[in-house]
Protein backbone atom coordinates (compact mmCIF):
# COMPACT_ATOMS: atom_id res chain seq x y z
CA UNK A 1 100.00 125.52 115.52
CA UNK A 2 99.47 122.37 113.52
CA UNK A 3 101.85 119.55 112.73
CA UNK A 4 104.62 120.50 110.32
CA UNK A 5 106.49 117.19 110.66
CA UNK A 6 105.67 113.87 109.07
CA UNK A 7 102.80 112.17 110.88
CA UNK A 8 102.28 108.48 111.59
CA UNK A 9 99.59 106.80 109.52
CA UNK A 10 96.95 104.47 110.95
CA UNK A 11 96.40 101.09 109.30
CA UNK A 12 92.74 100.02 109.07
CA UNK A 13 91.74 96.50 108.06
CA UNK A 14 88.03 96.14 107.19
CA UNK A 15 86.44 92.69 107.35
CA UNK A 16 83.11 92.08 105.59
CA UNK A 17 80.42 89.80 106.97
CA UNK A 18 78.08 87.03 105.88
CA UNK A 19 76.17 86.89 102.63
CA UNK A 20 77.18 87.25 99.01
CA UNK A 21 79.58 90.19 99.15
CA UNK A 22 80.03 92.35 96.06
CA UNK A 23 83.61 92.30 94.67
CA UNK A 24 83.50 96.11 94.71
CA UNK A 25 84.18 95.77 98.47
CA UNK A 26 87.85 95.41 97.48
CA UNK A 27 87.81 98.00 94.65
CA UNK A 28 89.38 101.25 95.84
CA UNK A 29 88.23 102.93 92.62
CA UNK A 30 84.60 102.55 93.74
CA UNK A 31 84.48 104.70 96.93
CA UNK A 32 80.75 104.17 97.42
CA UNK A 33 81.22 100.41 97.80
CA UNK A 34 84.91 100.00 98.70
CA UNK A 35 85.09 98.58 102.26
CA UNK A 36 81.31 98.94 102.49
CA UNK A 37 81.45 102.65 101.66
CA UNK A 38 82.66 103.50 105.15
CA UNK A 39 86.07 104.91 104.14
CA UNK A 40 85.02 108.35 102.79
CA UNK A 41 82.54 108.79 105.65
CA UNK A 42 85.18 108.00 108.24
CA UNK A 43 87.74 110.24 106.57
CA UNK A 44 85.30 113.15 106.55
CA UNK A 45 84.29 112.76 110.20
CA UNK A 46 87.92 112.13 111.21
CA UNK A 47 89.09 115.28 109.40
CA UNK A 48 86.44 117.33 111.18
CA UNK A 49 87.66 116.06 114.54
CA UNK A 50 91.26 117.09 113.77
CA UNK A 51 90.69 120.15 111.59
CA UNK A 52 92.16 122.64 114.12
CA UNK A 53 95.32 120.53 114.44
CA UNK A 54 96.01 119.08 111.00
CA UNK A 55 93.81 119.84 107.97
CA UNK A 56 95.35 116.89 106.09
CA UNK A 57 95.00 114.33 108.90
CA UNK A 58 92.47 112.24 106.94
CA UNK A 59 95.30 111.27 104.58
CA UNK A 60 96.77 109.30 107.47
CA UNK A 61 93.92 106.77 107.44
CA UNK A 62 94.89 103.87 105.19
CA UNK A 63 92.19 101.28 104.44
CA UNK A 64 92.60 97.74 103.16
CA UNK A 65 89.80 95.18 102.75
CA UNK A 66 89.83 91.65 104.17
CA UNK A 67 87.83 90.24 101.27
CA UNK A 68 87.44 86.58 102.21
CA UNK A 69 84.27 85.87 100.17
CA UNK A 70 86.28 84.29 97.33
CA UNK A 71 87.38 81.47 99.63
CA UNK A 72 83.83 80.15 99.84
CA UNK A 73 82.01 81.55 96.83
CA UNK A 74 82.64 78.75 94.33
CA UNK A 75 81.60 76.06 96.84
CA UNK A 76 78.42 77.96 97.72
CA UNK A 77 77.50 78.56 94.09
CA UNK A 78 77.99 74.88 93.26
CA UNK A 79 75.79 73.76 96.16
CA UNK A 80 73.18 76.42 95.32
CA UNK A 81 72.97 75.13 91.76
CA UNK A 82 72.96 71.44 92.71
CA UNK A 83 70.00 72.01 95.02
CA UNK A 84 68.26 74.17 92.41
CA UNK A 85 67.54 76.73 95.13
CA UNK A 86 66.27 79.37 92.73
CA UNK A 87 63.35 77.22 91.60
CA UNK A 88 62.66 75.22 94.75
CA UNK A 89 62.90 77.77 97.61
CA UNK A 90 60.74 80.88 98.06
CA UNK A 91 62.42 84.24 97.60
CA UNK A 92 60.47 85.71 100.60
CA UNK A 93 61.08 89.48 100.50
CA UNK A 94 64.41 89.00 98.75
CA UNK A 95 65.96 87.18 101.72
CA UNK A 96 66.43 83.73 100.15
CA UNK A 97 69.91 84.20 98.69
CA UNK A 98 71.08 86.30 101.63
CA UNK A 99 70.08 83.65 104.17
CA UNK A 100 71.50 80.78 102.10
CA UNK A 101 74.91 82.41 101.73
CA UNK A 102 74.89 83.64 105.33
CA UNK A 103 74.29 80.18 106.78
CA UNK A 104 76.80 78.66 104.37
CA UNK A 105 79.48 81.15 105.44
CA UNK A 106 78.92 80.54 109.13
CA UNK A 107 78.94 76.75 108.95
CA UNK A 108 81.85 76.41 106.50
CA UNK A 109 84.20 78.73 108.43
CA UNK A 110 84.08 76.66 111.63
CA UNK A 111 87.55 75.28 112.43
CA UNK A 112 87.50 71.49 112.45
CA UNK A 113 90.05 69.11 113.92
CA UNK A 114 91.59 66.66 113.50
CA UNK A 115 92.49 66.75 109.86
CA UNK A 116 89.88 64.85 107.83
CA UNK A 117 90.89 61.84 105.83
CA UNK A 118 89.75 61.33 102.25
CA UNK A 119 87.27 58.71 103.48
CA UNK A 120 85.82 60.84 106.29
CA UNK A 121 82.67 62.53 105.04
CA UNK A 122 81.61 63.69 108.51
CA UNK A 123 84.40 66.18 109.19
CA UNK A 124 84.70 69.58 107.57
CA UNK A 125 87.68 71.04 105.79
CA UNK A 126 90.03 73.00 108.09
CA UNK A 127 91.57 74.56 105.00
CA UNK A 128 88.62 76.97 104.82
CA UNK A 129 89.42 78.44 108.24
CA UNK A 130 93.10 78.59 107.31
CA UNK A 131 92.46 80.12 103.89
CA UNK A 132 90.20 82.84 105.31
CA UNK A 133 92.97 83.71 107.76
CA UNK A 134 95.53 83.73 104.96
CA UNK A 135 93.45 86.44 103.26
CA UNK A 136 93.58 88.36 106.53
CA UNK A 137 97.36 87.96 106.63
CA UNK A 138 97.72 89.27 103.07
CA UNK A 139 95.70 92.33 104.05
CA UNK A 140 97.99 93.03 106.98
CA UNK A 141 101.00 92.64 104.67
CA UNK A 142 99.59 95.28 102.30
CA UNK A 143 98.91 97.62 105.21
CA UNK A 144 102.41 97.08 106.57
CA UNK A 145 103.90 98.13 103.23
CA UNK A 146 101.63 101.19 102.92
CA UNK A 147 101.73 102.54 106.46
CA UNK A 148 105.01 101.32 107.92
CA UNK A 149 105.85 98.05 109.60
CA UNK A 150 104.98 99.26 113.10
CA UNK A 151 101.98 101.48 112.32
CA UNK A 152 99.03 101.31 114.72
CA UNK A 153 96.53 98.70 113.50
CA UNK A 154 92.78 99.19 113.81
CA UNK A 155 90.27 96.59 112.63
CA UNK A 156 86.64 97.08 111.59
CA UNK A 157 84.58 93.88 111.54
CA UNK A 158 80.97 93.52 110.39
CA UNK A 159 78.74 90.53 111.15
CA UNK A 160 80.73 87.31 110.85
CA UNK A 161 83.70 89.51 110.02
CA UNK A 162 83.73 90.49 113.70
CA UNK A 163 84.14 86.82 114.65
CA UNK A 164 86.82 86.32 112.00
CA UNK A 165 88.69 89.34 113.34
CA UNK A 166 88.61 88.17 116.95
CA UNK A 167 89.61 84.63 115.92
CA UNK A 168 92.55 85.99 113.93
CA UNK A 169 93.65 88.26 116.78
CA UNK A 170 93.31 85.41 119.29
CA UNK A 171 95.38 83.06 117.12
CA UNK A 172 98.04 85.74 116.57
CA UNK A 173 98.31 86.45 120.29
CA UNK A 174 98.84 82.70 120.80
CA UNK A 175 101.51 82.77 118.06
CA UNK A 176 99.36 80.71 115.69
CA UNK A 177 99.74 82.35 112.30
CA UNK A 178 98.51 81.12 108.91
CA UNK A 179 101.06 79.99 106.31
CA UNK A 180 102.88 82.75 104.44
CA UNK A 181 102.09 85.42 107.05
CA UNK A 182 104.61 88.23 107.44
CA UNK A 183 106.81 89.01 110.40
CA UNK A 184 106.50 92.75 111.00
CA UNK A 185 105.04 94.15 114.24
CA UNK A 186 101.86 95.16 112.41
CA UNK A 187 101.46 91.75 110.75
CA UNK A 188 102.05 90.05 114.09
CA UNK A 189 99.19 92.16 115.52
CA UNK A 190 101.63 93.64 118.05
CA UNK A 191 100.46 97.15 117.18
CA UNK A 192 96.73 96.39 117.40
CA UNK A 193 95.19 99.54 118.85
CA UNK A 194 91.42 99.27 118.40
CA UNK A 195 88.68 96.92 117.29
CA UNK A 196 85.36 98.25 115.97
CA UNK A 197 82.57 95.70 115.50
CA UNK A 198 78.95 96.02 114.39
CA UNK A 199 76.16 93.56 113.58
CA UNK A 200 78.37 91.10 115.45
CA UNK A 201 77.85 87.34 115.56
CA UNK A 202 80.57 86.75 118.13
CA UNK A 203 78.07 85.32 120.68
CA UNK A 204 77.46 82.29 118.44
CA UNK A 205 81.19 81.52 118.30
CA UNK A 206 81.47 82.07 122.07
CA UNK A 207 79.05 79.18 122.62
CA UNK A 208 81.83 76.73 121.75
CA UNK A 209 83.65 77.44 125.01
CA UNK A 210 83.14 77.03 128.74
CA UNK A 211 81.56 80.21 130.18
CA UNK A 212 81.57 81.47 126.57
CA UNK A 213 85.33 81.75 126.33
CA UNK A 214 87.93 84.49 126.70
CA UNK A 215 88.18 87.32 124.16
CA UNK A 216 91.50 88.44 122.68
CA UNK A 217 93.33 91.31 124.31
CA UNK A 218 92.24 94.66 122.88
CA UNK A 219 94.45 96.66 122.50
CA UNK A 220 97.43 94.37 122.12
CA UNK A 221 99.51 94.29 125.33
CA UNK A 222 102.60 95.03 123.20
CA UNK A 223 101.29 98.20 121.55
CA UNK A 224 102.77 100.48 124.24
CA UNK A 225 106.21 99.20 123.26
CA UNK A 226 105.78 101.19 120.06
CA UNK A 227 103.41 103.95 121.27
CA UNK A 228 103.76 104.50 125.04
CA UNK A 229 100.88 107.01 125.19
CA UNK A 230 98.38 104.95 123.24
CA UNK A 231 95.23 103.69 124.95
CA UNK A 232 93.11 101.62 122.60
CA UNK A 233 89.58 100.28 122.86
CA UNK A 234 86.96 97.89 121.56
CA UNK A 235 83.72 99.51 120.41
CA UNK A 236 80.70 97.36 119.52
CA UNK A 237 77.50 98.63 117.89
CA UNK A 238 74.17 96.85 117.58
CA UNK A 239 70.65 97.62 116.43
CA UNK A 240 67.78 95.91 118.27
CA UNK A 241 65.99 95.35 114.94
CA UNK A 242 68.97 93.50 113.48
CA UNK A 243 68.28 89.83 114.15
CA UNK A 244 71.68 88.82 112.75
CA UNK A 245 73.81 91.08 114.97
CA UNK A 246 74.00 91.11 118.74
CA UNK A 247 75.40 92.88 121.79
CA UNK A 248 78.53 91.24 123.13
CA UNK A 249 79.57 93.15 126.25
CA UNK A 250 77.62 90.93 128.65
CA UNK A 251 78.90 87.60 127.30
CA UNK A 252 80.94 87.34 130.51
CA UNK A 253 82.98 89.48 132.92
CA UNK A 254 86.05 89.53 130.68
CA UNK A 255 84.11 90.89 127.72
CA UNK A 256 82.46 93.39 130.07
CA UNK A 257 85.86 94.77 131.05
CA UNK A 258 87.03 95.08 127.43
CA UNK A 259 84.05 96.18 125.36
CA UNK A 260 82.34 99.55 125.17
CA UNK A 261 78.93 99.08 123.60
CA UNK A 262 76.47 101.41 121.90
CA UNK A 263 72.96 100.70 120.69
CA UNK A 264 72.25 102.47 117.39
CA UNK A 265 69.41 102.72 114.93
CA UNK A 266 70.56 102.04 111.39
CA UNK A 267 68.72 101.98 108.07
CA UNK A 268 65.88 104.17 106.84
CA UNK A 269 62.14 103.66 106.62
CA UNK A 270 62.42 100.51 104.51
CA UNK A 271 65.20 98.73 106.40
CA UNK A 272 65.47 100.30 109.85
CA UNK A 273 62.70 98.20 111.41
CA UNK A 274 63.70 94.74 110.18
CA UNK A 275 66.60 92.34 109.60
CA UNK A 276 67.63 94.18 106.43
CA UNK A 277 69.14 96.73 108.82
CA UNK A 278 72.03 94.24 109.17
CA UNK A 279 73.89 95.81 106.23
CA UNK A 280 73.16 99.42 107.13
CA UNK A 281 75.83 100.03 109.78
CA UNK A 282 78.33 101.04 107.08
CA UNK A 283 76.44 104.26 106.35
CA UNK A 284 75.25 105.05 109.90
CA UNK A 285 76.26 108.50 111.13
CA UNK A 286 76.26 107.29 114.74
CA UNK A 287 78.65 104.46 113.91
CA UNK A 288 81.04 106.41 111.70
CA UNK A 289 81.22 109.42 114.03
CA UNK A 290 81.96 107.24 117.08
CA UNK A 291 84.72 105.40 115.22
CA UNK A 292 86.11 108.69 113.85
CA UNK A 293 86.32 110.14 117.37
CA UNK A 294 88.19 107.05 118.52
CA UNK A 295 90.61 107.20 115.57
CA UNK A 296 91.18 110.92 116.18
CA UNK A 297 92.10 110.21 119.79
CA UNK A 298 94.55 107.51 118.66
CA UNK A 299 96.02 109.88 116.06
CA UNK A 300 96.66 112.50 118.74
CA UNK A 301 98.29 109.96 121.03
CA UNK A 302 100.73 108.71 118.38
CA UNK A 303 101.46 112.08 116.77
């Protein structure tokens, strides 16, 4: 019969990973590169799932990028130039710049306490962690304005973006928000419904804690306050040829209870067999179709 009434939109925050990310990631006018190019693929697969019910359902998926690269880019470029990396380090199959920026991202983002003094050269800058999370908060504010303040929130995290997403969710669920964050249910992560991760580096962050820590609650325990029929999930995808992304379900028993995991093969003949596959999840049919099925199930539950 279809849905004649107004339907509830789904807010989707997309977090990029390590490396030098193209600014087009945040440019909605460039659909092939906006949020890694995954938006039109997800919309198409999502629409196919719901075609018998609502031909216009794909309009209910609202994407916003968590583009945190700017927080670190100037520092990385300055260090790159000071060390004269271009002339002194081998390019090696085009991986030089990718590895430099990837390692720089991972090390710089680590939260460091206590606050460093001006004389302390051995402690990092906690402002980087805070500033990355402020970018995340701004994204949730934009989504809240576009989808409604209590819209279901889904998060897609690639590579280190998966770790940033889980850190942000964990902090929010402990009521630790960055400065200038909003106060709507969506911005407070109360409506978090699903987390989709691929090429994840969460295991490296888990090493900081006894028994590799406790993951955030996915979905948020408060989401049923707003959508009583909603059952969310955490889907993780990995490719065995991707040496920068790993399975996470077996980190410990708590992860095992939360995470549904799928091994995929991403990339073509040139990238599918090596570490360059790390950036190929965005265009993987297996990944996008699995996420689209999950989003379609959520859409049915809330509409």
